[in-house]
Protein backbone atom coordinates (compact mmCIF):
# COMPACT_ATOMS: atom_id res chain seq x y z
CA MET A 1 -127.76 51.43 -50.67
CA GLN A 2 -125.57 48.57 -49.41
CA HIS A 3 -122.96 49.05 -46.72
CA THR A 4 -119.39 49.71 -47.84
CA THR A 5 -116.44 50.27 -45.54
CA PRO A 6 -114.50 53.55 -45.59
CA HIS A 7 -110.89 53.24 -44.44
CA ASN A 8 -109.89 56.89 -43.96
CA PHE A 9 -111.50 60.29 -43.40
CA ASN A 10 -111.68 61.19 -47.08
CA GLU A 11 -113.54 57.96 -47.83
CA LEU A 12 -115.73 58.58 -44.79
CA GLU A 13 -116.69 62.04 -46.10
CA HIS A 14 -117.55 60.54 -49.49
CA TRP A 15 -119.62 57.83 -47.76
CA LEU A 16 -121.59 60.45 -45.80
CA ASN A 17 -122.11 62.59 -48.92
CA GLU A 18 -123.41 59.64 -50.95
CA ARG A 19 -126.06 58.99 -48.32
CA ARG A 20 -126.83 62.69 -47.73
CA VAL A 21 -126.30 62.27 -44.01
CA THR A 22 -127.45 65.24 -41.93
CA GLU A 23 -126.64 63.96 -38.43
CA VAL A 24 -123.97 61.73 -36.94
CA GLU A 25 -124.30 59.74 -33.73
CA CYS A 26 -120.78 59.72 -32.27
CA LEU A 27 -120.62 56.61 -30.08
CA VAL A 28 -118.23 55.12 -27.58
CA PRO A 29 -118.96 51.81 -25.78
CA ASP A 30 -118.54 52.08 -22.01
CA LEU A 31 -117.65 49.26 -19.59
CA THR A 32 -121.22 47.95 -19.62
CA GLY A 33 -121.48 48.12 -23.43
CA VAL A 34 -123.83 51.13 -23.29
CA ALA A 35 -123.50 53.57 -26.21
CA ARG A 36 -122.30 56.91 -24.82
CA GLY A 37 -121.45 60.01 -26.85
CA LYS A 38 -123.02 62.92 -28.72
CA ILE A 39 -125.27 63.53 -31.71
CA LEU A 40 -123.67 66.13 -34.00
CA PRO A 41 -124.89 67.95 -37.10
CA ARG A 42 -123.01 66.67 -40.12
CA GLU A 43 -121.08 69.96 -40.57
CA LYS A 44 -119.91 69.92 -36.95
CA PHE A 45 -118.77 66.28 -37.26
CA THR A 46 -116.77 67.07 -40.41
CA GLU A 47 -115.21 70.15 -38.83
CA ASP A 48 -114.24 68.53 -35.51
CA ARG A 49 -113.44 64.96 -36.61
CA GLY A 50 -114.00 63.85 -33.05
CA MET A 51 -115.34 65.02 -29.73
CA ARG A 52 -114.31 65.51 -26.13
CA LEU A 53 -115.84 63.71 -23.16
CA PRO A 54 -114.75 63.26 -19.54
CA HIS A 55 -112.53 60.21 -18.94
CA ALA A 56 -115.03 58.75 -16.50
CA ILE A 57 -117.77 58.44 -19.14
CA VAL A 58 -116.40 55.07 -20.27
CA ALA A 59 -115.79 53.94 -16.68
CA MET A 60 -119.12 54.15 -14.86
CA SER A 61 -121.24 51.53 -13.16
CA VAL A 62 -124.40 50.22 -14.82
CA THR A 63 -126.31 52.74 -12.68
CA GLY A 64 -124.10 55.61 -13.85
CA GLU A 65 -122.09 55.96 -10.65
CA GLN A 66 -118.36 56.31 -9.88
CA PRO A 67 -116.55 55.38 -6.66
CA PRO A 68 -116.31 58.24 -4.14
CA SER A 69 -112.63 57.46 -3.49
CA GLY A 70 -110.01 54.71 -3.73
CA PRO A 71 -107.65 53.20 -6.36
CA TYR A 72 -110.04 54.21 -9.16
CA TYR A 73 -108.59 57.73 -8.86
CA ASP A 74 -105.03 56.46 -9.16
CA VAL A 75 -105.97 55.85 -12.81
CA ILE A 76 -108.66 58.44 -13.52
CA GLU A 77 -107.77 61.91 -12.31
CA PRO A 78 -110.31 63.31 -9.84
CA THR A 79 -110.24 66.64 -11.73
CA ASP A 80 -112.38 64.90 -14.40
CA ARG A 81 -110.30 65.87 -17.41
CA ASP A 82 -111.43 65.40 -20.98
CA MET A 83 -110.30 62.68 -23.35
CA GLN A 84 -110.22 63.08 -27.12
CA LEU A 85 -112.50 60.73 -29.04
CA ARG A 86 -111.61 60.06 -32.67
CA PRO A 87 -113.94 58.30 -35.10
CA ASP A 88 -112.92 54.98 -36.61
CA PRO A 89 -114.07 55.33 -40.26
CA THR A 90 -114.38 51.56 -40.68
CA THR A 91 -117.25 51.47 -38.15
CA VAL A 92 -119.65 53.92 -39.81
CA ARG A 93 -123.20 52.63 -40.35
CA ILE A 94 -126.51 54.18 -41.30
CA VAL A 95 -129.07 54.31 -38.49
CA PRO A 96 -131.86 52.49 -40.33
CA TRP A 97 -134.66 53.49 -37.97
CA ALA A 98 -133.89 57.23 -37.96
CA ALA A 99 -136.39 59.61 -39.60
CA ASP A 100 -133.65 61.75 -41.22
CA PRO A 101 -130.47 60.38 -42.88
CA THR A 102 -128.34 59.64 -39.81
CA ALA A 103 -125.02 57.83 -39.45
CA GLN A 104 -123.50 56.20 -36.39
CA VAL A 105 -119.77 55.82 -35.95
CA ILE A 106 -117.75 54.31 -33.10
CA HIS A 107 -114.92 56.36 -31.62
CA ASP A 108 -111.67 55.41 -29.92
CA CYS A 109 -110.57 57.16 -26.72
CA PHE A 110 -107.22 58.96 -26.45
CA ASP A 111 -105.61 60.92 -23.62
CA SER A 112 -103.98 64.35 -23.90
CA LYS A 113 -100.72 62.74 -25.08
CA GLY A 114 -102.38 60.87 -27.91
CA LYS A 115 -102.28 57.45 -26.27
CA LEU A 116 -105.25 55.09 -26.19
CA VAL A 117 -107.16 55.28 -22.90
CA PRO A 118 -106.24 51.86 -21.44
CA TYR A 119 -109.53 51.12 -19.66
CA ALA A 120 -111.83 51.87 -22.63
CA PRO A 121 -113.22 48.48 -23.76
CA ARG A 122 -112.16 48.94 -27.38
CA SER A 123 -108.62 49.78 -26.23
CA VAL A 124 -108.45 46.57 -24.17
CA LEU A 125 -109.39 44.42 -27.17
CA ARG A 126 -106.94 46.30 -29.41
CA ARG A 127 -104.21 45.57 -26.87
CA ILE A 128 -104.91 41.81 -27.01
CA CYS A 129 -105.06 41.80 -30.82
CA ASP A 130 -101.67 43.57 -30.87
CA LEU A 131 -100.19 40.82 -28.65
CA TYR A 132 -101.36 38.22 -31.16
CA ALA A 133 -100.01 40.24 -34.09
CA ALA A 134 -96.58 40.44 -32.42
CA GLU A 135 -96.49 36.62 -32.47
CA GLY A 136 -97.51 36.44 -36.14
CA TRP A 137 -101.00 35.24 -35.21
CA ASP A 138 -104.45 36.34 -36.36
CA PRO A 139 -107.27 35.48 -33.93
CA VAL A 140 -110.59 34.52 -35.52
CA ILE A 141 -113.88 34.79 -33.59
CA ALA A 142 -117.48 33.74 -34.23
CA PRO A 143 -120.00 34.68 -31.50
CA GLU A 144 -123.41 33.12 -30.89
CA LEU A 145 -125.63 35.53 -29.00
CA GLU A 146 -128.79 34.53 -27.11
CA PHE A 147 -131.49 36.94 -25.98
CA TYR A 148 -135.10 36.98 -24.79
CA LEU A 149 -138.10 38.72 -26.23
CA THR A 150 -140.52 39.75 -23.48
CA ALA A 151 -143.77 41.60 -23.11
CA ARG A 152 -143.35 45.27 -22.21
CA ASN A 153 -142.50 45.62 -18.54
CA THR A 154 -142.65 49.09 -17.02
CA ASP A 155 -142.64 48.00 -13.37
CA SER A 156 -139.35 46.48 -12.23
CA ASN A 157 -141.15 44.76 -9.33
CA VAL A 158 -143.21 42.63 -11.76
CA PRO A 159 -141.54 39.51 -13.24
CA LEU A 160 -140.98 39.39 -16.99
CA ARG A 161 -143.25 37.27 -19.16
CA PRO A 162 -143.09 36.07 -22.79
CA PRO A 163 -144.56 38.37 -25.46
CA ILE A 164 -147.72 37.74 -27.45
CA GLY A 165 -146.98 36.35 -30.92
CA ARG A 166 -149.07 36.58 -34.09
CA SER A 167 -151.28 33.73 -32.83
CA GLY A 168 -152.41 35.99 -30.00
CA ARG A 169 -150.86 33.66 -27.41
CA ALA A 170 -147.65 33.69 -25.41
CA GLU A 171 -145.30 30.70 -25.26
CA THR A 172 -145.69 28.46 -22.22
CA SER A 173 -143.50 25.47 -23.17
CA ARG A 174 -140.01 24.62 -24.43
CA GLN A 175 -139.64 25.42 -28.13
CA ALA A 176 -135.97 24.67 -28.91
CA TYR A 177 -135.24 24.97 -32.65
CA SER A 178 -138.95 25.35 -33.45
CA ILE A 179 -139.48 27.04 -36.82
CA ASP A 180 -143.11 27.83 -36.07
CA ALA A 181 -142.16 29.47 -32.77
CA VAL A 182 -139.76 31.79 -34.63
CA ASN A 183 -142.48 32.51 -37.20
CA GLU A 184 -144.68 33.80 -34.36
CA PHE A 185 -142.50 36.93 -34.53
CA ASP A 186 -141.99 37.13 -38.31
CA PRO A 187 -142.63 40.88 -38.65
CA LEU A 188 -140.06 41.66 -35.95
CA PHE A 189 -137.38 39.39 -37.38
CA GLU A 190 -137.93 40.63 -40.92
CA GLU A 191 -137.29 44.14 -39.64
CA ILE A 192 -134.20 43.03 -37.69
CA TYR A 193 -132.76 41.33 -40.78
CA GLU A 194 -133.52 44.39 -42.89
CA TYR A 195 -131.80 46.66 -40.37
CA CYS A 196 -128.80 44.30 -40.27
CA HIS A 197 -128.64 44.28 -44.08
CA VAL A 198 -128.65 48.07 -44.26
CA MET A 199 -125.94 48.24 -41.58
CA GLY A 200 -123.81 45.50 -43.13
CA LEU A 201 -123.91 43.31 -40.03
CA ASN A 202 -122.74 39.78 -40.89
CA VAL A 203 -125.45 37.86 -39.06
CA ASP A 204 -125.98 34.24 -40.05
CA THR A 205 -128.46 31.81 -38.51
CA LEU A 206 -131.49 32.69 -36.38
CA ILE A 207 -132.88 29.94 -34.16
CA HIS A 208 -135.35 29.59 -31.31
CA GLU A 209 -133.53 28.60 -28.15
CA ILE A 210 -134.83 26.54 -25.22
CA GLY A 211 -136.55 29.25 -23.17
CA ALA A 212 -139.98 30.81 -23.81
CA GLY A 213 -139.30 33.74 -26.12
CA GLN A 214 -135.54 32.98 -26.18
CA MET A 215 -133.74 33.43 -29.51
CA GLU A 216 -130.16 33.02 -30.75
CA ILE A 217 -128.36 34.78 -33.59
CA ASN A 218 -125.04 33.55 -34.99
CA PHE A 219 -122.39 35.76 -36.57
CA PHE A 220 -119.99 34.78 -39.36
CA HIS A 221 -116.38 34.37 -38.17
CA ASP A 222 -114.12 37.41 -38.55
CA HIS A 223 -111.46 39.53 -36.85
CA PRO A 224 -112.34 40.24 -33.18
CA LEU A 225 -112.46 44.05 -33.22
CA GLY A 226 -114.81 44.31 -36.18
CA LEU A 227 -117.04 41.57 -34.77
CA ALA A 228 -117.19 43.21 -31.34
CA ASP A 229 -118.37 46.37 -33.12
CA GLU A 230 -121.04 44.31 -34.89
CA VAL A 231 -122.30 42.74 -31.66
CA PHE A 232 -122.38 46.21 -30.08
CA PHE A 233 -124.48 47.50 -33.00
CA PHE A 234 -126.65 44.37 -33.05
CA LYS A 235 -127.69 44.65 -29.40
CA ARG A 236 -128.74 48.24 -30.01
CA THR A 237 -130.61 47.25 -33.17
CA VAL A 238 -132.58 44.39 -31.60
CA ARG A 239 -133.69 46.53 -28.66
CA GLU A 240 -134.88 49.27 -31.01
CA ALA A 241 -136.72 46.86 -33.34
CA ALA A 242 -138.41 45.10 -30.41
CA LEU A 243 -139.72 48.39 -29.04
CA ARG A 244 -141.23 49.15 -32.43
CA HIS A 245 -143.19 45.89 -32.16
CA ASP A 246 -144.38 46.56 -28.60
CA MET A 247 -141.86 44.18 -27.00
CA TYR A 248 -138.64 44.31 -25.08
CA ALA A 249 -135.45 42.51 -26.07
CA THR A 250 -133.14 41.73 -23.18
CA PHE A 251 -129.61 40.39 -23.01
CA MET A 252 -129.75 39.81 -19.25
CA ALA A 253 -128.01 36.56 -18.36
CA LYS A 254 -131.00 35.23 -16.39
CA PRO A 255 -134.08 37.40 -16.98
CA ILE A 256 -136.84 34.90 -16.11
CA ALA A 257 -136.92 32.51 -13.15
CA GLY A 258 -137.28 28.89 -14.18
CA GLU A 259 -136.07 29.53 -17.73
CA PRO A 260 -132.54 28.94 -19.09
CA GLY A 261 -130.11 31.84 -19.11
CA SER A 262 -128.68 33.59 -22.15
CA ALA A 263 -125.08 33.09 -23.26
CA MET A 264 -122.65 34.57 -25.75
CA HIS A 265 -120.83 31.43 -26.88
CA MET A 266 -117.53 32.36 -28.50
CA HIS A 267 -115.95 30.16 -31.18
CA GLN A 268 -112.28 30.95 -31.62
CA SER A 269 -109.28 29.83 -33.62
CA VAL A 270 -105.90 31.28 -34.52
CA VAL A 271 -104.44 31.65 -38.01
CA SER A 272 -100.77 32.10 -38.92
CA LYS A 273 -100.20 35.45 -40.62
CA ALA A 274 -97.38 33.91 -42.65
CA ASP A 275 -99.33 31.24 -44.51
CA GLY A 276 -102.99 31.52 -43.39
CA ARG A 277 -102.87 28.11 -41.69
CA ASN A 278 -105.05 27.32 -38.69
CA ILE A 279 -102.40 26.74 -36.02
CA PHE A 280 -104.79 24.51 -34.04
CA SER A 281 -104.15 21.73 -36.60
CA ASN A 282 -100.95 19.96 -37.63
CA PRO A 283 -100.17 19.38 -41.34
CA ASP A 284 -101.48 15.83 -40.99
CA GLY A 285 -104.84 17.13 -39.68
CA SER A 286 -104.33 16.17 -36.04
CA PRO A 287 -104.79 18.70 -33.22
CA SER A 288 -101.63 20.70 -32.56
CA GLU A 289 -99.81 21.56 -29.36
CA ALA A 290 -101.10 25.15 -29.77
CA PHE A 291 -104.66 23.79 -29.69
CA PHE A 292 -104.08 22.01 -26.38
CA HIS A 293 -102.09 24.88 -24.91
CA TYR A 294 -104.90 27.29 -25.83
CA ILE A 295 -107.37 25.08 -23.96
CA GLY A 296 -104.92 24.86 -21.06
CA GLY A 297 -104.80 28.65 -20.87
CA LEU A 298 -108.59 28.86 -20.82
CA GLN A 299 -108.78 26.25 -18.07
CA LYS A 300 -106.21 28.01 -15.92
CA HIS A 301 -107.31 31.63 -16.34
CA VAL A 302 -111.04 31.74 -17.24
CA PRO A 303 -112.17 31.10 -13.64
CA SER A 304 -110.13 34.14 -12.55
CA ALA A 305 -111.51 36.21 -15.42
CA MET A 306 -115.19 35.44 -14.84
CA ALA A 307 -115.95 38.93 -13.54
CA LEU A 308 -115.28 40.19 -17.08
CA VAL A 309 -117.82 37.88 -18.76
CA ALA A 310 -120.27 37.40 -15.89
CA PRO A 311 -120.23 41.10 -14.97
CA TYR A 312 -123.35 41.49 -12.82
CA VAL A 313 -124.94 39.88 -9.78
CA ASN A 314 -127.59 38.44 -12.09
CA SER A 315 -124.92 36.72 -14.25
CA TYR A 316 -124.25 34.01 -11.67
CA ARG A 317 -127.87 32.85 -11.63
CA ARG A 318 -127.28 31.49 -15.14
CA LEU A 319 -124.28 29.35 -14.19
CA SER A 320 -126.05 26.50 -12.43
CA ARG A 321 -126.16 22.74 -12.85
CA TYR A 322 -128.37 21.21 -15.59
CA THR A 323 -129.47 24.55 -17.08
CA ALA A 324 -127.58 24.45 -20.43
CA ALA A 325 -124.81 26.56 -18.88
CA PRO A 326 -121.43 25.35 -17.57
CA ILE A 327 -120.48 25.13 -13.91
CA ASN A 328 -116.79 24.35 -14.50
CA ILE A 329 -114.05 24.65 -17.08
CA GLU A 330 -113.74 21.04 -18.21
CA TRP A 331 -113.16 20.56 -21.93
CA GLY A 332 -114.33 18.00 -24.48
CA TYR A 333 -115.08 17.27 -28.11
CA ASP A 334 -118.73 17.88 -29.09
CA ASN A 335 -119.81 17.96 -25.43
CA ARG A 336 -122.26 20.69 -24.41
CA THR A 337 -121.99 20.05 -20.68
CA VAL A 338 -118.43 21.42 -20.51
CA GLY A 339 -117.22 25.02 -20.32
CA ILE A 340 -114.78 24.57 -23.21
CA ARG A 341 -116.10 22.62 -26.21
CA SER A 342 -114.39 21.71 -29.47
CA PRO A 343 -117.09 21.16 -32.11
CA ILE A 344 -116.80 18.51 -34.81
CA SER A 345 -115.00 20.14 -37.75
CA SER A 346 -112.44 19.73 -40.48
CA PRO A 347 -108.76 20.33 -39.53
CA GLU A 348 -108.92 23.71 -41.32
CA ALA A 349 -111.90 24.77 -39.18
CA ARG A 350 -110.70 23.32 -35.86
CA ARG A 351 -111.78 25.70 -33.12
CA VAL A 352 -112.57 26.09 -29.45
CA GLU A 353 -115.92 27.27 -28.09
CA ASN A 354 -115.95 29.17 -24.80
CA ARG A 355 -119.41 28.50 -23.31
CA VAL A 356 -119.09 30.37 -20.00
CA ILE A 357 -119.60 33.90 -21.38
CA GLY A 358 -122.97 35.52 -20.66
CA ALA A 359 -125.07 37.51 -23.14
CA ASP A 360 -124.81 40.41 -20.69
CA ALA A 361 -121.03 40.69 -21.20
CA ASN A 362 -119.51 43.65 -23.00
CA PRO A 363 -118.51 42.08 -26.37
CA TYR A 364 -115.14 43.87 -26.46
CA LEU A 365 -114.20 42.66 -22.99
CA ALA A 366 -115.60 39.17 -23.64
CA MET A 367 -113.41 38.71 -26.70
CA ALA A 368 -110.41 40.27 -24.98
CA MET A 369 -110.86 37.96 -21.98
CA THR A 370 -111.08 34.66 -23.88
CA LEU A 371 -108.26 35.59 -26.28
CA ALA A 372 -106.06 36.70 -23.36
CA CYS A 373 -106.55 33.37 -21.57
CA GLY A 374 -105.75 31.40 -24.74
CA TYR A 375 -102.73 33.62 -25.42
CA LEU A 376 -101.31 32.92 -21.97
CA GLY A 377 -101.85 29.22 -22.57
CA MET A 378 -99.88 29.24 -25.82
CA LYS A 379 -97.11 31.53 -24.54
CA ASN A 380 -96.65 29.57 -21.31
CA LYS A 381 -97.33 26.15 -22.90
CA ILE A 382 -100.02 25.28 -20.35
CA LYS A 383 -101.24 21.70 -20.66
CA PRO A 384 -104.98 21.09 -20.30
CA LYS A 385 -106.64 18.55 -18.05
CA PRO A 386 -107.65 15.25 -19.70
CA GLU A 387 -110.68 15.50 -21.95
CA MET A 388 -114.06 15.24 -20.20
CA LYS A 389 -115.87 12.43 -22.03
CA GLY A 390 -118.90 12.23 -19.77
CA ASP A 391 -121.34 14.62 -18.12
CA ALA A 392 -119.44 17.62 -16.74
CA TYR A 393 -122.43 18.50 -14.54
CA LEU A 394 -121.43 15.52 -12.38
CA SER A 395 -118.11 17.26 -11.64
CA PRO A 396 -117.75 19.91 -8.92
CA TYR A 397 -118.29 23.62 -9.42
CA ALA A 398 -115.03 25.25 -10.52
CA LEU A 399 -116.22 28.77 -11.29
CA PRO A 400 -116.92 31.60 -8.83
CA ARG A 401 -120.50 31.58 -7.53
CA SER A 402 -120.97 35.33 -7.09
CA LEU A 403 -119.68 38.65 -8.37
CA GLY A 404 -117.89 39.34 -5.09
CA GLU A 405 -116.01 36.04 -5.27
CA ALA A 406 -115.20 36.59 -8.96
CA LEU A 407 -113.65 39.98 -8.21
CA ASP A 408 -111.42 38.42 -5.55
CA TRP A 409 -110.22 35.80 -8.06
CA LEU A 410 -109.57 38.45 -10.72
CA ARG A 411 -107.47 40.56 -8.37
CA ARG A 412 -105.18 37.59 -7.65
CA ASP A 413 -104.40 36.60 -11.27
CA THR A 414 -101.41 38.84 -12.01
CA ASP A 415 -100.77 37.15 -15.38
CA LEU A 416 -104.12 38.44 -16.58
CA HIS A 417 -103.27 41.92 -15.27
CA GLU A 418 -100.17 41.96 -17.46
CA VAL A 419 -101.93 41.11 -20.71
CA LEU A 420 -105.19 43.03 -20.16
CA GLY A 421 -103.53 46.04 -18.50
CA ARG A 422 -103.21 46.90 -14.83
CA GLU A 423 -105.02 50.22 -15.21
CA PHE A 424 -107.99 48.51 -16.80
CA ILE A 425 -108.15 45.85 -14.06
CA THR A 426 -108.03 48.56 -11.37
CA VAL A 427 -110.84 50.63 -12.90
CA TYR A 428 -112.97 47.59 -13.72
CA THR A 429 -112.77 45.94 -10.31
CA GLU A 430 -113.46 49.22 -8.52
CA ILE A 431 -116.58 49.82 -10.63
CA LYS A 432 -117.83 46.27 -10.08
CA GLU A 433 -117.26 46.50 -6.32
CA LEU A 434 -119.42 49.62 -6.37
CA GLU A 435 -122.20 47.79 -8.23
CA PHE A 436 -122.00 44.85 -5.84
CA ALA A 437 -122.27 47.18 -2.83
CA GLU A 438 -125.30 48.89 -4.40
CA PHE A 439 -127.01 45.54 -4.98
CA MET A 440 -126.42 44.46 -1.39
CA LYS A 441 -128.58 47.39 -0.25
CA VAL A 442 -131.62 45.82 -1.95
CA ILE A 443 -133.82 43.34 -0.06
CA SER A 444 -135.29 40.69 -2.37
CA PRO A 445 -138.80 39.14 -2.31
CA TRP A 446 -137.20 35.77 -1.39
CA GLU A 447 -135.77 37.26 1.79
CA ARG A 448 -139.10 38.77 2.80
CA GLU A 449 -140.97 35.58 2.00
CA HIS A 450 -138.72 33.11 3.81
CA LEU A 451 -136.98 35.14 6.51
CA LEU A 452 -139.49 37.77 7.61
CA LEU A 453 -141.48 35.54 9.99
CA HIS A 454 -139.30 32.43 10.20
CA VAL A 455 -135.98 33.50 11.66
C-alpha cells in the first residue's frame, strides 16, 4: 500500500486502521538527531494521542549526558519536569522492516502551558519557517546526503574499512560516479529503495561518491520541515538496511582517515507566497538583490553558526584543504571549491548551495541554520563579497577549526540568537561544551605515537 498523508487525527486513525497497525513508535528527534520516544500498543496510542517525557530527553549530549550545573538549568528546570509530546499526523510512516504492522510518527514537544519547547530541533526549524511566512516567503530546500558503507566494526579501537561487495572484494581505489561500484551493493540498495517507497520518502538520485564505500542520495526539493523529517527517517532506514546486509552505514563527517568526508549539501531558494515566483530572479531572468543579500547573510553568519552544522569534534576533520570540502565561505557560480555555490540553472530554478554542512548534522538544525543566515541577509540587506572565480582553496581558512572555537563564535553572534532563539542557543552550547570536555579526556593513538617518547 502506497504512502498517503493524513492531516488530522481522524485521518490518522483511518490510516492506521487501513494498515491494521498494532504498534506505534512514537518518536522525537533530539539534538543529535537520535530517535527518542516510546513504543505504544495501537490502543494506547489512540487513547493518549501523545506521550510524556522529561524535558531533558531532547537536550542530551551524544553520550546521553547533561551538564551538572550552569546556564543549561536556567532553561531546563532541574526538577526534570515532563513535557507533552503530540503526534504530527503528517509524519506517520509504516516501519517497513518490522515483523508486525508497525507505524512510526514524529511528535512535537510542548510545555505545560501548551507552547512549543524552544530547544527541540523541530521547534527551532518551525520558528525559522514562521519568520519566512511572516515576510510572505516560502523557503524551498533540496538536500544531498553523503554516507559511508563499512564492514561491521565492533571494536571502536579498530579503524573502519570498506565492506565486501558482491565480487567478494572491498574497494581500494577512488570510484566517483562509478555505476559498477554502486552495483556491488545492489541487494542493499534495492532494499533501501523499497523501504523508501513504502515510507513515501522522496529520494531521487543515488550515486557513488569519491571515497571507498561512500555513497550519496539526493532528495527532491520541498518545504524544509517535511524534508527534515524525511532525512531523519532516511538515516534510520539506511542504518537498519545496512545491518540486515552485514554492514554498517555511517553519517560521521570523517569516518575513515585518508578518505574524503561526508557532507549534507543544502540547495535552497525562496518563493513568493503571493505569486509563486522565485525571488532570487528578476522578471528579466537576472539574479535579484534578494539572491545576493541571501548569499551575503550566509557569508556573514555561517562561520558563527558552524557549531550547528559541524556539531562534533570529528566534524572539523572534514573541513580541510583539497578534500572536496570547503575551508571558507567564498561564493561562486558552478564552483565546487567554495562554501557557497550557485549551480547553473534556469532563472526559475536559481538557487544557492550551502556546502559547509556535514552529514553528521541534525537535519532540522542544519536547515534552520542555513535559512536563518539567509533570512538575516535579506532582512538586513547584507552585500556579499565579490564572486570567487578561481580556486577557493588558495584563499585563507575562514571557518572555525575546532568545536571549541566554533562554540565561541556562536556565542558572540547575537543576531543568530534572536532568530534561532536564545533558549535554544543556551541549551545547545552547554551540551556541546560538555561533549568537548568529554572528548578532551581521551588520549588518541597519534599522541601516544608521536609524543610518548619524543617530548
